[in-house]
Amino acid sequence: MRKIVLDTNAYSAFFSGDMSVRKAIVVSDMVQMSTIVIGELYFGFFGGTKFSQNKDQLEAFLKKSNIHVIGVTVETAEIFGEIQNELKGKGKPIPINDVWIAAQAIESGAKLVTFDAHFENISGLRIWDESVGK
């Protein structure tokens, strides 16, 4: 089964017409949306000028049959701690929300669809190759 987790920037790119993200979504059996990503999106919505439009678009997207919202579990927390410790040891911290998103992707066995290169510092995280989607 092809599973992906959309990072915040991938979700935004999809709705901006990015064809590589669209292809990643179309060829996946399951698209997962992290509650952390949803929180980041709402943060942007509240700070923007199109709150209602963006909220409605997100809600419609989340209702699609192949979209599944994933939350934080005790296993996610353990993976988070392991990743955070690894990054600290490497001296390569990343934004804390991204550590949670990576932990969710690892836990679910999905590839992370993102444009952020700092995820490459996380062992065991499967990252989408955008060049395959073009």
Foldseek 3Di string as FASTA:
>chain_A
DAEEEEALVLVVVVVVPDQLSVQSVVPGQAYEYEPLSVVVQQVVLVVDDPNVVSVVVVVVVCPDPRYHYDYDDPQLVVQLVVQQVQCVVVVQDDPSSVSSSQSVCQVVVHAYEDPDPSVVSGPSHHHDDSVVSD
